[in-house]
Amino acid sequence: MTAAVEFDTSLGYRLNPQVALRPEPFGALAYHFGNRKLSFLKVPELVDLVRGLADHASVEEALQEVSEGRRAQFRRALASLAATDMIRPR
């Protein structure tokens, strides 16, 4: 059994090239063509954050665009996306 890797927000991340984001009224659907996982991104701001991750040196830098009160929620969402290989370190 392997231990789960902790999500390190000091690293730069990007959308996995095997993942497609399909815009939806609620946000987006993320589909991973490699592992066939599907994730619902239910907040449009999260979709924008995920799309823009590669433009920032770290996740923490990217989170500066999110209001302080919502950063913990978005951090958890990004950790979940990283755990399913939707986003990955650069």
PDB file of N, CA and C in Angstrom:
ATOM      1  N   MET A   1       0.849  -1.177   0.000  1.00  0.00           N
ATOM      2  CA  MET A   1       0.000   0.000   0.000  1.00  0.00           C
ATOM      3  C   MET A   1       0.890   1.234   0.000  1.00  0.00           C
ATOM      4  N   THR A   2       0.576   2.207  -0.853  1.00  0.00           N
ATOM      5  CA  THR A   2       1.381   3.419  -0.925  1.00  0.00           C
ATOM      6  C   THR A   2       0.722   4.531  -0.134  1.00  0.00           C
ATOM      7  N   ALA A   3       1.541   5.384   0.436  1.00  0.00           N
ATOM      8  CA  ALA A   3       1.026   6.523   1.200  1.00  0.00           C
ATOM      9  C   ALA A   3       0.620   7.628   0.234  1.00  0.00           C
ATOM     10  N   ALA A   4      -0.431   8.333   0.584  1.00  0.00           N
ATOM     11  CA  ALA A   4      -0.882   9.453  -0.238  1.00  0.00           C
ATOM     12  C   ALA A   4       0.142  10.580  -0.155  1.00  0.00           C
ATOM     13  N   VAL A   5       0.391  11.202  -1.271  1.00  0.00           N
ATOM     14  CA  VAL A   5       1.315  12.325  -1.323  1.00  0.00           C
ATOM     15  C   VAL A   5       0.554  13.575  -0.908  1.00  0.00           C
ATOM     16  N   GLU A   6       1.148  14.355  -0.020  1.00  0.00           N
ATOM     17  CA  GLU A   6       0.506  15.584   0.433  1.00  0.00           C
ATOM     18  C   GLU A   6       0.558  16.632  -0.672  1.00  0.00           C
ATOM     19  N   PHE A   7      -0.513  17.386  -0.796  1.00  0.00           N
ATOM     20  CA  PHE A   7      -0.617  18.443  -1.799  1.00  0.00           C
ATOM     21  C   PHE A   7       0.234  19.619  -1.349  1.00  0.00           C
ATOM     22  N   ASP A   8       1.264  19.946  -2.114  1.00  0.00           N
ATOM     23  CA  ASP A   8       2.213  21.005  -1.760  1.00  0.00           C
ATOM     24  C   ASP A   8       1.874  22.269  -2.538  1.00  0.00           C
ATOM     25  N   THR A   9       1.294  23.240  -1.845  1.00  0.00           N
ATOM     26  CA  THR A   9       0.862  24.472  -2.506  1.00  0.00           C
ATOM     27  C   THR A   9       2.018  25.407  -2.848  1.00  0.00           C
ATOM     28  N   SER A  10       3.229  25.062  -2.433  1.00  0.00           N
ATOM     29  CA  SER A  10       4.380  25.890  -2.801  1.00  0.00           C
ATOM     30  C   SER A  10       4.895  25.534  -4.198  1.00  0.00           C
ATOM     31  N   LEU A  11       4.389  24.452  -4.762  1.00  0.00           N
ATOM     32  CA  LEU A  11       4.788  24.030  -6.105  1.00  0.00           C
ATOM     33  C   LEU A  11       3.876  24.636  -7.158  1.00  0.00           C
ATOM     34  N   GLY A  12       4.397  24.713  -8.364  1.00  0.00           N
ATOM     35  CA  GLY A  12       3.570  25.104  -9.494  1.00  0.00           C
ATOM     36  C   GLY A  12       2.826  23.884 -10.013  1.00  0.00           C
ATOM     37  N   TYR A  13       1.583  24.056 -10.380  1.00  0.00           N
ATOM     38  CA  TYR A  13       0.758  22.977 -10.929  1.00  0.00           C
ATOM     39  C   TYR A  13       0.205  23.413 -12.269  1.00  0.00           C
ATOM     40  N   ARG A  14      -0.317  22.450 -13.011  1.00  0.00           N
ATOM     41  CA  ARG A  14      -0.970  22.722 -14.286  1.00  0.00           C
ATOM     42  C   ARG A  14      -2.039  21.661 -14.500  1.00  0.00           C
ATOM     43  N   LEU A  15      -2.944  21.949 -15.390  1.00  0.00           N
ATOM     44  CA  LEU A  15      -3.945  20.972 -15.786  1.00  0.00           C
ATOM     45  C   LEU A  15      -3.231  19.825 -16.488  1.00  0.00           C
ATOM     46  N   ASN A  16      -3.572  18.609 -16.142  1.00  0.00           N
ATOM     47  CA  ASN A  16      -2.990  17.444 -16.796  1.00  0.00           C
ATOM     48  C   ASN A  16      -3.352  17.501 -18.284  1.00  0.00           C
ATOM     49  N   PRO A  17      -2.396  17.273 -19.185  1.00  0.00           N
ATOM     50  CA  PRO A  17      -2.698  17.322 -20.621  1.00  0.00           C
ATOM     51  C   PRO A  17      -3.750  16.296 -21.055  1.00  0.00           C
ATOM     52  N   GLN A  18      -3.983  15.268 -20.252  1.00  0.00           N
ATOM     53  CA  GLN A  18      -4.992  14.259 -20.578  1.00  0.00           C
ATOM     54  C   GLN A  18      -6.385  14.643 -20.076  1.00  0.00           C
ATOM     55  N   VAL A  19      -6.522  15.859 -19.538  1.00  0.00           N
ATOM     56  CA  VAL A  19      -7.801  16.302 -18.978  1.00  0.00           C
ATOM     57  C   VAL A  19      -8.416  17.370 -19.872  1.00  0.00           C
ATOM     58  N   ALA A  20      -9.695  17.203 -20.134  1.00  0.00           N
ATOM     59  CA  ALA A  20     -10.464  18.207 -20.871  1.00  0.00           C
ATOM     60  C   ALA A  20     -11.471  18.836 -19.920  1.00  0.00           C
ATOM     61  N   LEU A  21     -11.586  20.150 -19.991  1.00  0.00           N
ATOM     62  CA  LEU A  21     -12.599  20.876 -19.221  1.00  0.00           C
ATOM     63  C   LEU A  21     -13.718  21.271 -20.172  1.00  0.00           C
ATOM     64  N   ARG A  22     -14.933  20.843 -19.843  1.00  0.00           N
ATOM     65  CA  ARG A  22     -16.089  21.217 -20.655  1.00  0.00           C
ATOM     66  C   ARG A  22     -16.917  22.230 -19.884  1.00  0.00           C
ATOM     67  N   PRO A  23     -17.067  23.427 -20.410  1.00  0.00           N
ATOM     68  CA  PRO A  23     -17.855  24.448 -19.710  1.00  0.00           C
ATOM     69  C   PRO A  23     -19.300  23.991 -19.506  1.00  0.00           C
ATOM     70  N   GLU A  24     -19.822  24.291 -18.339  1.00  0.00           N
ATOM     71  CA  GLU A  24     -21.209  24.006 -17.980  1.00  0.00           C
ATOM     72  C   GLU A  24     -21.761  25.220 -17.252  1.00  0.00           C
ATOM     73  N   PRO A  25     -23.085  25.374 -17.182  1.00  0.00           N
ATOM     74  CA  PRO A  25     -23.657  26.523 -16.473  1.00  0.00           C
ATOM     75  C   PRO A  25     -23.198  26.633 -15.013  1.00  0.00           C
ATOM     76  N   PHE A  26     -22.929  25.498 -14.374  1.00  0.00           N
ATOM     77  CA  PHE A  26     -22.511  25.494 -12.968  1.00  0.00           C
ATOM     78  C   PHE A  26     -21.014  25.674 -12.795  1.00  0.00           C
ATOM     79  N   GLY A  27     -20.233  25.537 -13.858  1.00  0.00           N
ATOM     80  CA  GLY A  27     -18.772  25.598 -13.782  1.00  0.00           C
ATOM     81  C   GLY A  27     -18.171  24.822 -14.936  1.00  0.00           C
ATOM     82  N   ALA A  28     -17.779  23.555 -14.668  1.00  0.00           N
ATOM     83  CA  ALA A  28     -17.220  22.724 -15.741  1.00  0.00           C
ATOM     84  C   ALA A  28     -17.191  21.262 -15.322  1.00  0.00           C
ATOM     85  N   LEU A  29     -17.142  20.406 -16.319  1.00  0.00           N
ATOM     86  CA  LEU A  29     -16.856  18.991 -16.123  1.00  0.00           C
ATOM     87  C   LEU A  29     -15.401  18.783 -16.507  1.00  0.00           C
ATOM     88  N   ALA A  30     -14.677  18.064 -15.683  1.00  0.00           N
ATOM     89  CA  ALA A  30     -13.289  17.707 -15.993  1.00  0.00           C
ATOM     90  C   ALA A  30     -13.260  16.206 -16.258  1.00  0.00           C
ATOM     91  N   TYR A  31     -12.815  15.825 -17.440  1.00  0.00           N
ATOM     92  CA  TYR A  31     -12.728  14.415 -17.799  1.00  0.00           C
ATOM     93  C   TYR A  31     -11.277  14.061 -18.077  1.00  0.00           C
ATOM     94  N   HIS A  32     -10.803  13.010 -17.407  1.00  0.00           N
ATOM     95  CA  HIS A  32      -9.433  12.520 -17.579  1.00  0.00           C
ATOM     96  C   HIS A  32      -9.473  11.355 -18.562  1.00  0.00           C
ATOM     97  N   PHE A  33      -8.890  11.534 -19.737  1.00  0.00           N
ATOM     98  CA  PHE A  33      -8.924  10.508 -20.767  1.00  0.00           C
ATOM     99  C   PHE A  33      -8.031   9.314 -20.441  1.00  0.00           C
ATOM    100  N   GLY A  34      -7.078   9.481 -19.531  1.00  0.00           N
ATOM    101  CA  GLY A  34      -6.193   8.380 -19.159  1.00  0.00           C
ATOM    102  C   GLY A  34      -6.824   7.427 -18.158  1.00  0.00           C
ATOM    103  N   ASN A  35      -7.376   7.973 -17.073  1.00  0.00           N
ATOM    104  CA  ASN A  35      -7.940   7.106 -16.032  1.00  0.00           C
ATOM    105  C   ASN A  35      -9.470   7.102 -16.027  1.00  0.00           C
ATOM    106  N   ARG A  36     -10.081   7.858 -16.954  1.00  0.00           N
ATOM    107  CA  ARG A  36     -11.527   7.911 -17.168  1.00  0.00           C
ATOM    108  C   ARG A  36     -12.303   8.475 -15.983  1.00  0.00           C
ATOM    109  N   LYS A  37     -11.630   9.236 -15.141  1.00  0.00           N
ATOM    110  CA  LYS A  37     -12.317   9.869 -14.013  1.00  0.00           C
ATOM    111  C   LYS A  37     -13.008  11.139 -14.480  1.00  0.00           C
ATOM    112  N   LEU A  38     -14.110  11.439 -13.813  1.00  0.00           N
ATOM    113  CA  LEU A  38     -14.899  12.621 -14.108  1.00  0.00           C
ATOM    114  C   LEU A  38     -15.040  13.422 -12.822  1.00  0.00           C
ATOM    115  N   SER A  39     -14.792  14.713 -12.904  1.00  0.00           N
ATOM    116  CA  SER A  39     -14.952  15.599 -11.746  1.00  0.00           C
ATOM    117  C   SER A  39     -15.843  16.764 -12.141  1.00  0.00           C
ATOM    118  N   PHE A  40     -16.653  17.189 -11.193  1.00  0.00           N
ATOM    119  CA  PHE A  40     -17.516  18.350 -11.387  1.00  0.00           C
ATOM    120  C   PHE A  40     -16.873  19.536 -10.685  1.00  0.00           C
ATOM    121  N   LEU A  41     -16.575  20.568 -11.422  1.00  0.00           N
ATOM    122  CA  LEU A  41     -16.073  21.814 -10.837  1.00  0.00           C
ATOM    123  C   LEU A  41     -17.281  22.732 -10.747  1.00  0.00           C
ATOM    124  N   LYS A  42     -17.836  22.834  -9.545  1.00  0.00           N
ATOM    125  CA  LYS A  42     -19.143  23.461  -9.356  1.00  0.00           C
ATOM    126  C   LYS A  42     -19.091  24.961  -9.127  1.00  0.00           C
ATOM    127  N   VAL A  43     -17.908  25.537  -9.201  1.00  0.00           N
ATOM    128  CA  VAL A  43     -17.753  26.973  -8.966  1.00  0.00           C
ATOM    129  C   VAL A  43     -16.968  27.562 -10.143  1.00  0.00           C
ATOM    130  N   PRO A  44     -17.556  28.506 -10.879  1.00  0.00           N
ATOM    131  CA  PRO A  44     -16.837  29.080 -12.027  1.00  0.00           C
ATOM    132  C   PRO A  44     -15.465  29.655 -11.664  1.00  0.00           C
ATOM    133  N   GLU A  45     -15.324  30.221 -10.468  1.00  0.00           N
ATOM    134  CA  GLU A  45     -14.020  30.760 -10.049  1.00  0.00           C
ATOM    135  C   GLU A  45     -12.975  29.653  -9.931  1.00  0.00           C
ATOM    136  N   LEU A  46     -13.400  28.451  -9.539  1.00  0.00           N
ATOM    137  CA  LEU A  46     -12.473  27.319  -9.466  1.00  0.00           C
ATOM    138  C   LEU A  46     -12.018  26.927 -10.869  1.00  0.00           C
ATOM    139  N   VAL A  47     -12.924  26.962 -11.817  1.00  0.00           N
ATOM    140  CA  VAL A  47     -12.571  26.656 -13.207  1.00  0.00           C
ATOM    141  C   VAL A  47     -11.509  27.640 -13.693  1.00  0.00           C
ATOM    142  N   ASP A  48     -11.727  28.920 -13.430  1.00  0.00           N
ATOM    143  CA  ASP A  48     -10.745  29.940 -13.822  1.00  0.00           C
ATOM    144  C   ASP A  48      -9.399  29.695 -13.149  1.00  0.00           C
ATOM    145  N   LEU A  49      -9.438  29.323 -11.876  1.00  0.00           N
ATOM    146  CA  LEU A  49      -8.206  29.054 -11.133  1.00  0.00           C
ATOM    147  C   LEU A  49      -7.457  27.873 -11.749  1.00  0.00           C
ATOM    148  N   VAL A  50      -8.165  26.792 -12.029  1.00  0.00           N
ATOM    149  CA  VAL A  50      -7.543  25.600 -12.618  1.00  0.00           C
ATOM    150  C   VAL A  50      -6.956  25.930 -13.991  1.00  0.00           C
ATOM    151  N   ARG A  51      -7.696  26.654 -14.802  1.00  0.00           N
ATOM    152  CA  ARG A  51      -7.194  27.025 -16.139  1.00  0.00           C
ATOM    153  C   ARG A  51      -5.935  27.897 -16.047  1.00  0.00           C
ATOM    154  N   GLY A  52      -5.832  28.717 -15.003  1.00  0.00           N
ATOM    155  CA  GLY A  52      -4.717  29.644 -14.876  1.00  0.00           C
ATOM    156  C   GLY A  52      -3.558  29.168 -14.021  1.00  0.00           C
ATOM    157  N   LEU A  53      -3.630  27.945 -13.492  1.00  0.00           N
ATOM    158  CA  LEU A  53      -2.555  27.461 -12.612  1.00  0.00           C
ATOM    159  C   LEU A  53      -1.178  27.560 -13.253  1.00  0.00           C
ATOM    160  N   ALA A  54      -1.069  27.203 -14.516  1.00  0.00           N
ATOM    161  CA  ALA A  54       0.238  27.177 -15.191  1.00  0.00           C
ATOM    162  C   ALA A  54       0.853  28.563 -15.335  1.00  0.00           C
ATOM    163  N   ASP A  55       0.041  29.600 -15.160  1.00  0.00           N
ATOM    164  CA  ASP A  55       0.541  30.973 -15.282  1.00  0.00           C
ATOM    165  C   ASP A  55       1.176  31.491 -14.000  1.00  0.00           C
ATOM    166  N   HIS A  56       1.193  30.662 -12.957  1.00  0.00           N
ATOM    167  CA  HIS A  56       1.700  31.091 -11.650  1.00  0.00           C
ATOM    168  C   HIS A  56       2.838  30.187 -11.194  1.00  0.00           C
ATOM    169  N   ALA A  57       3.740  30.757 -10.422  1.00  0.00           N
ATOM    170  CA  ALA A  57       4.898  30.005  -9.925  1.00  0.00           C
ATOM    171  C   ALA A  57       4.498  28.940  -8.915  1.00  0.00           C
ATOM    172  N   SER A  58       3.387  29.150  -8.212  1.00  0.00           N
ATOM    173  CA  SER A  58       2.943  28.198  -7.190  1.00  0.00           C
ATOM    174  C   SER A  58       1.427  28.266  -7.060  1.00  0.00           C
ATOM    175  N   VAL A  59       0.872  27.266  -6.406  1.00  0.00           N
ATOM    176  CA  VAL A  59      -0.560  27.272  -6.111  1.00  0.00           C
ATOM    177  C   VAL A  59      -0.888  28.454  -5.209  1.00  0.00           C
ATOM    178  N   GLU A  60      -0.038  28.713  -4.220  1.00  0.00           N
ATOM    179  CA  GLU A  60      -0.290  29.835  -3.307  1.00  0.00           C
ATOM    180  C   GLU A  60      -0.348  31.156  -4.062  1.00  0.00           C
ATOM    181  N   GLU A  61       0.527  31.319  -5.036  1.00  0.00           N
ATOM    182  CA  GLU A  61       0.491  32.543  -5.846  1.00  0.00           C
ATOM    183  C   GLU A  61      -0.820  32.626  -6.621  1.00  0.00           C
ATOM    184  N   ALA A  62      -1.253  31.522  -7.194  1.00  0.00           N
ATOM    185  CA  ALA A  62      -2.519  31.499  -7.935  1.00  0.00           C
ATOM    186  C   ALA A  62      -3.694  31.813  -7.020  1.00  0.00           C
ATOM    187  N   LEU A  63      -3.633  31.344  -5.782  1.00  0.00           N
ATOM    188  CA  LEU A  63      -4.725  31.568  -4.828  1.00  0.00           C
ATOM    189  C   LEU A  63      -4.851  33.025  -4.402  1.00  0.00           C
ATOM    190  N   GLN A  64      -3.857  33.838  -4.678  1.00  0.00           N
ATOM    191  CA  GLN A  64      -3.941  35.258  -4.338  1.00  0.00           C
ATOM    192  C   GLN A  64      -5.067  35.942  -5.114  1.00  0.00           C
ATOM    193  N   GLU A  65      -5.498  35.333  -6.209  1.00  0.00           N
ATOM    194  CA  GLU A  65      -6.595  35.887  -7.002  1.00  0.00           C
ATOM    195  C   GLU A  65      -7.967  35.556  -6.411  1.00  0.00           C
ATOM    196  N   VAL A  66      -7.988  34.695  -5.400  1.00  0.00           N
ATOM    197  CA  VAL A  66      -9.227  34.273  -4.742  1.00  0.00           C
ATOM    198  C   VAL A  66      -9.359  35.051  -3.439  1.00  0.00           C
ATOM    199  N   SER A  67     -10.586  35.420  -3.085  1.00  0.00           N
ATOM    200  CA  SER A  67     -10.773  36.143  -1.826  1.00  0.00           C
ATOM    201  C   SER A  67     -10.265  35.292  -0.661  1.00  0.00           C
ATOM    202  N   GLU A  68      -9.690  35.949   0.319  1.00  0.00           N
ATOM    203  CA  GLU A  68      -9.043  35.249   1.434  1.00  0.00           C
ATOM    204  C   GLU A  68      -9.984  34.268   2.131  1.00  0.00           C
ATOM    205  N   GLY A  69     -11.240  34.631   2.250  1.00  0.00           N
ATOM    206  CA  GLY A  69     -12.204  33.777   2.929  1.00  0.00           C
ATOM    207  C   GLY A  69     -12.512  32.480   2.202  1.00  0.00           C
ATOM    208  N   ARG A  70     -12.185  32.406   0.923  1.00  0.00           N
ATOM    209  CA  ARG A  70     -12.479  31.201   0.129  1.00  0.00           C
ATOM    210  C   ARG A  70     -11.237  30.382  -0.194  1.00  0.00           C
ATOM    211  N   ARG A  71     -10.077  30.858   0.195  1.00  0.00           N
ATOM    212  CA  ARG A  71      -8.831  30.163  -0.186  1.00  0.00           C
ATOM    213  C   ARG A  71      -8.740  28.749   0.368  1.00  0.00           C
ATOM    214  N   ALA A  72      -9.155  28.528   1.608  1.00  0.00           N
ATOM    215  CA  ALA A  72      -9.078  27.178   2.190  1.00  0.00           C
ATOM    216  C   ALA A  72      -9.958  26.208   1.400  1.00  0.00           C
ATOM    217  N   GLN A  73     -11.144  26.649   1.023  1.00  0.00           N
ATOM    218  CA  GLN A  73     -12.063  25.830   0.232  1.00  0.00           C
ATOM    219  C   GLN A  73     -11.440  25.481  -1.125  1.00  0.00           C
ATOM    220  N   PHE A  74     -10.842  26.455  -1.767  1.00  0.00           N
ATOM    221  CA  PHE A  74     -10.225  26.222  -3.067  1.00  0.00           C
ATOM    222  C   PHE A  74      -8.974  25.352  -2.934  1.00  0.00           C
ATOM    223  N   ARG A  75      -8.222  25.520  -1.847  1.00  0.00           N
ATOM    224  CA  ARG A  75      -7.051  24.677  -1.588  1.00  0.00           C
ATOM    225  C   ARG A  75      -7.479  23.209  -1.506  1.00  0.00           C
ATOM    226  N   ARG A  76      -8.570  22.950  -0.769  1.00  0.00           N
ATOM    227  CA  ARG A  76      -9.077  21.575  -0.638  1.00  0.00           C
ATOM    228  C   ARG A  76      -9.533  21.029  -1.994  1.00  0.00           C
ATOM    229  N   ALA A  77     -10.206  21.860  -2.770  1.00  0.00           N
ATOM    230  CA  ALA A  77     -10.661  21.424  -4.094  1.00  0.00           C
ATOM    231  C   ALA A  77      -9.474  21.081  -4.992  1.00  0.00           C
ATOM    232  N   LEU A  78      -8.445  21.909  -4.965  1.00  0.00           N
ATOM    233  CA  LEU A  78      -7.251  21.639  -5.772  1.00  0.00           C
ATOM    234  C   LEU A  78      -6.538  20.381  -5.294  1.00  0.00           C
ATOM    235  N   ALA A  79      -6.498  20.162  -3.986  1.00  0.00           N
ATOM    236  CA  ALA A  79      -5.880  18.942  -3.449  1.00  0.00           C
ATOM    237  C   ALA A  79      -6.628  17.709  -3.949  1.00  0.00           C
ATOM    238  N   SER A  80      -7.941  17.794  -3.998  1.00  0.00           N
ATOM    239  CA  SER A  80      -8.748  16.689  -4.510  1.00  0.00           C
ATOM    240  C   SER A  80      -8.478  16.455  -5.998  1.00  0.00           C
ATOM    241  N   LEU A  81      -8.363  17.523  -6.756  1.00  0.00           N
ATOM    242  CA  LEU A  81      -8.045  17.392  -8.183  1.00  0.00           C
ATOM    243  C   LEU A  81      -6.647  16.808  -8.385  1.00  0.00           C
ATOM    244  N   ALA A  82      -5.713  17.171  -7.530  1.00  0.00           N
ATOM    245  CA  ALA A  82      -4.356  16.614  -7.618  1.00  0.00           C
ATOM    246  C   ALA A  82      -4.368  15.126  -7.273  1.00  0.00           C
ATOM    247  N   ALA A  83      -5.168  14.741  -6.282  1.00  0.00           N
ATOM    248  CA  ALA A  83      -5.230  13.337  -5.860  1.00  0.00           C
ATOM    249  C   ALA A  83      -5.777  12.435  -6.965  1.00  0.00           C
ATOM    250  N   THR A  84      -6.588  12.983  -7.860  1.00  0.00           N
ATOM    251  CA  THR A  84      -7.140  12.199  -8.966  1.00  0.00           C
ATOM    252  C   THR A  84      -6.409  12.462 -10.283  1.00  0.00           C
ATOM    253  N   ASP A  85      -5.267  13.139 -10.212  1.00  0.00           N
ATOM    254  CA  ASP A  85      -4.396  13.412 -11.360  1.00  0.00           C
ATOM    255  C   ASP A  85      -5.036  14.334 -12.394  1.00  0.00           C
ATOM    256  N   MET A  86      -6.014  15.138 -11.978  1.00  0.00           N
ATOM    257  CA  MET A  86      -6.595  16.132 -12.885  1.00  0.00           C
ATOM    258  C   MET A  86      -5.618  17.294 -13.076  1.00  0.00           C
ATOM    259  N   ILE A  87      -4.933  17.650 -11.992  1.00  0.00           N
ATOM    260  CA  ILE A  87      -3.855  18.630 -12.072  1.00  0.00           C
ATOM    261  C   ILE A  87      -2.596  17.938 -11.584  1.00  0.00           C
ATOM    262  N   ARG A  88      -1.456  18.427 -12.027  1.00  0.00           N
ATOM    263  CA  ARG A  88      -0.189  17.799 -11.614  1.00  0.00           C
ATOM    264  C   ARG A  88       0.896  18.850 -11.495  1.00  0.00           C
ATOM    265  N   PRO A  89       1.913  18.543 -10.683  1.00  0.00           N
ATOM    266  CA  PRO A  89       3.030  19.492 -10.548  1.00  0.00           C
ATOM    267  C   PRO A  89       3.727  19.676 -11.894  1.00  0.00           C
ATOM    268  N   ARG A  90       4.261  20.887 -12.065  1.00  0.00           N
ATOM    269  CA  ARG A  90       5.027  21.162 -13.290  1.00  0.00           C
ATOM    270  C   ARG A  90       6.455  20.734 -13.099  1.00  0.00           C
TER     271      ARG A  90
END
